Amino acid sequence: GRISIPSEEELAWALEKHDLFLYFGHGS
């Protein structure tokens, strides 16, 4: 795979996925 500095869009997507993961991980 390519190695590069994540773009702002990729960072935003990663944060969104991370937040969803934490939300569902700690939910109920």
PDB file of N, CA and C in Angstrom:
ATOM      1  N   GLY A   1       0.826  -1.205   0.000  1.00  0.00           N
ATOM      2  CA  GLY A   1       0.000   0.000   0.000  1.00  0.00           C
ATOM      3  C   GLY A   1       0.855   1.247   0.000  1.00  0.00           C
ATOM      4  N   ARG A   2       0.254   2.347  -0.348  1.00  0.00           N
ATOM      5  CA  ARG A   2       1.010   3.595  -0.424  1.00  0.00           C
ATOM      6  C   ARG A   2       1.162   4.196   0.964  1.00  0.00           C
ATOM      7  N   ILE A   3       2.284   4.817   1.180  1.00  0.00           N
ATOM      8  CA  ILE A   3       2.510   5.498   2.456  1.00  0.00           C
ATOM      9  C   ILE A   3       2.498   6.996   2.190  1.00  0.00           C
ATOM     10  N   SER A   4       1.599   7.698   2.845  1.00  0.00           N
ATOM     11  CA  SER A   4       1.500   9.135   2.634  1.00  0.00           C
ATOM     12  C   SER A   4       0.886   9.790   3.854  1.00  0.00           C
ATOM     13  N   ILE A   5       0.989  11.094   3.917  1.00  0.00           N
ATOM     14  CA  ILE A   5       0.366  11.829   5.010  1.00  0.00           C
ATOM     15  C   ILE A   5      -1.135  11.872   4.752  1.00  0.00           C
ATOM     16  N   PRO A   6      -1.953  11.465   5.718  1.00  0.00           N
ATOM     17  CA  PRO A   6      -3.405  11.460   5.530  1.00  0.00           C
ATOM     18  C   PRO A   6      -3.912  12.855   5.210  1.00  0.00           C
ATOM     19  N   SER A   7      -4.855  12.916   4.283  1.00  0.00           N
ATOM     20  CA  SER A   7      -5.467  14.201   3.956  1.00  0.00           C
ATOM     21  C   SER A   7      -6.484  14.551   5.031  1.00  0.00           C
ATOM     22  N   GLU A   8      -6.948  15.785   5.028  1.00  0.00           N
ATOM     23  CA  GLU A   8      -7.929  16.198   6.040  1.00  0.00           C
ATOM     24  C   GLU A   8      -9.189  15.354   5.915  1.00  0.00           C
ATOM     25  N   GLU A   9      -9.542  15.012   4.677  1.00  0.00           N
ATOM     26  CA  GLU A   9     -10.746  14.212   4.457  1.00  0.00           C
ATOM     27  C   GLU A   9     -10.573  12.833   5.076  1.00  0.00           C
ATOM     28  N   GLU A  10      -9.388  12.238   4.874  1.00  0.00           N
ATOM     29  CA  GLU A  10      -9.134  10.911   5.435  1.00  0.00           C
ATOM     30  C   GLU A  10      -9.120  10.968   6.956  1.00  0.00           C
ATOM     31  N   LEU A  11      -8.559  12.046   7.502  1.00  0.00           N
ATOM     32  CA  LEU A  11      -8.531  12.194   8.958  1.00  0.00           C
ATOM     33  C   LEU A  11      -9.940  12.333   9.508  1.00  0.00           C
ATOM     34  N   ALA A  12     -10.770  13.120   8.814  1.00  0.00           N
ATOM     35  CA  ALA A  12     -12.146  13.327   9.266  1.00  0.00           C
ATOM     36  C   ALA A  12     -12.895  12.002   9.235  1.00  0.00           C
ATOM     37  N   TRP A  13     -12.672  11.204   8.163  1.00  0.00           N
ATOM     38  CA  TRP A  13     -13.343   9.915   8.041  1.00  0.00           C
ATOM     39  C   TRP A  13     -12.889   8.979   9.160  1.00  0.00           C
ATOM     40  N   ALA A  14     -11.600   8.989   9.439  1.00  0.00           N
ATOM     41  CA  ALA A  14     -11.061   8.127  10.491  1.00  0.00           C
ATOM     42  C   ALA A  14     -11.643   8.511  11.848  1.00  0.00           C
ATOM     43  N   LEU A  15     -11.742   9.821  12.097  1.00  0.00           N
ATOM     44  CA  LEU A  15     -12.301  10.277  13.369  1.00  0.00           C
ATOM     45  C   LEU A  15     -13.764   9.871  13.472  1.00  0.00           C
ATOM     46  N   GLU A  16     -14.486   9.977  12.351  1.00  0.00           N
ATOM     47  CA  GLU A  16     -15.900   9.593  12.359  1.00  0.00           C
ATOM     48  C   GLU A  16     -16.038   8.114  12.688  1.00  0.00           C
ATOM     49  N   LYS A  17     -15.242   7.277  12.019  1.00  0.00           N
ATOM     50  CA  LYS A  17     -15.295   5.841  12.271  1.00  0.00           C
ATOM     51  C   LYS A  17     -14.894   5.550  13.715  1.00  0.00           C
ATOM     52  N   HIS A  18     -13.907   6.270  14.209  1.00  0.00           N
ATOM     53  CA  HIS A  18     -13.427   6.061  15.574  1.00  0.00           C
ATOM     54  C   HIS A  18     -14.525   6.417  16.569  1.00  0.00           C
ATOM     55  N   ASP A  19     -15.209   7.541  16.317  1.00  0.00           N
ATOM     56  CA  ASP A  19     -16.281   7.961  17.218  1.00  0.00           C
ATOM     57  C   ASP A  19     -17.410   6.945  17.204  1.00  0.00           C
ATOM     58  N   LEU A  20     -17.745   6.432  16.013  1.00  0.00           N
ATOM     59  CA  LEU A  20     -18.810   5.436  15.915  1.00  0.00           C
ATOM     60  C   LEU A  20     -18.391   4.164  16.641  1.00  0.00           C
ATOM     61  N   PHE A  21     -17.119   3.781  16.495  1.00  0.00           N
ATOM     62  CA  PHE A  21     -16.614   2.580  17.148  1.00  0.00           C
ATOM     63  C   PHE A  21     -16.724   2.723  18.660  1.00  0.00           C
ATOM     64  N   LEU A  22     -16.332   3.894  19.176  1.00  0.00           N
ATOM     65  CA  LEU A  22     -16.412   4.118  20.624  1.00  0.00           C
ATOM     66  C   LEU A  22     -17.867   4.139  21.071  1.00  0.00           C
ATOM     67  N   TYR A  23     -18.721   4.771  20.252  1.00  0.00           N
ATOM     68  CA  TYR A  23     -20.135   4.883  20.604  1.00  0.00           C
ATOM     69  C   TYR A  23     -20.765   3.499  20.723  1.00  0.00           C
ATOM     70  N   PHE A  24     -20.559   2.666  19.695  1.00  0.00           N
ATOM     71  CA  PHE A  24     -21.161   1.333  19.719  1.00  0.00           C
ATOM     72  C   PHE A  24     -20.423   0.426  20.695  1.00  0.00           C
ATOM     73  N   GLY A  25     -19.143   0.687  20.905  1.00  0.00           N
ATOM     74  CA  GLY A  25     -18.347  -0.137  21.812  1.00  0.00           C
ATOM     75  C   GLY A  25     -18.774   0.052  23.258  1.00  0.00           C
ATOM     76  N   HIS A  26     -19.184   1.282  23.606  1.00  0.00           N
ATOM     77  CA  HIS A  26     -19.574   1.564  24.975  1.00  0.00           C
ATOM     78  C   HIS A  26     -21.091   1.602  25.132  1.00  0.00           C
ATOM     79  N   GLY A  27     -21.816   1.430  24.023  1.00  0.00           N
ATOM     80  CA  GLY A  27     -23.275   1.500  24.076  1.00  0.00           C
ATOM     81  C   GLY A  27     -23.883   0.313  24.794  1.00  0.00           C
ATOM     82  N   SER A  28     -25.048   0.517  25.402  1.00  0.00           N
ATOM     83  CA  SER A  28     -25.783  -0.542  26.105  1.00  0.00           C
ATOM     84  C   SER A  28     -24.790  -1.473  26.804  1.00  0.00           C
TER      85      SER A  28
END
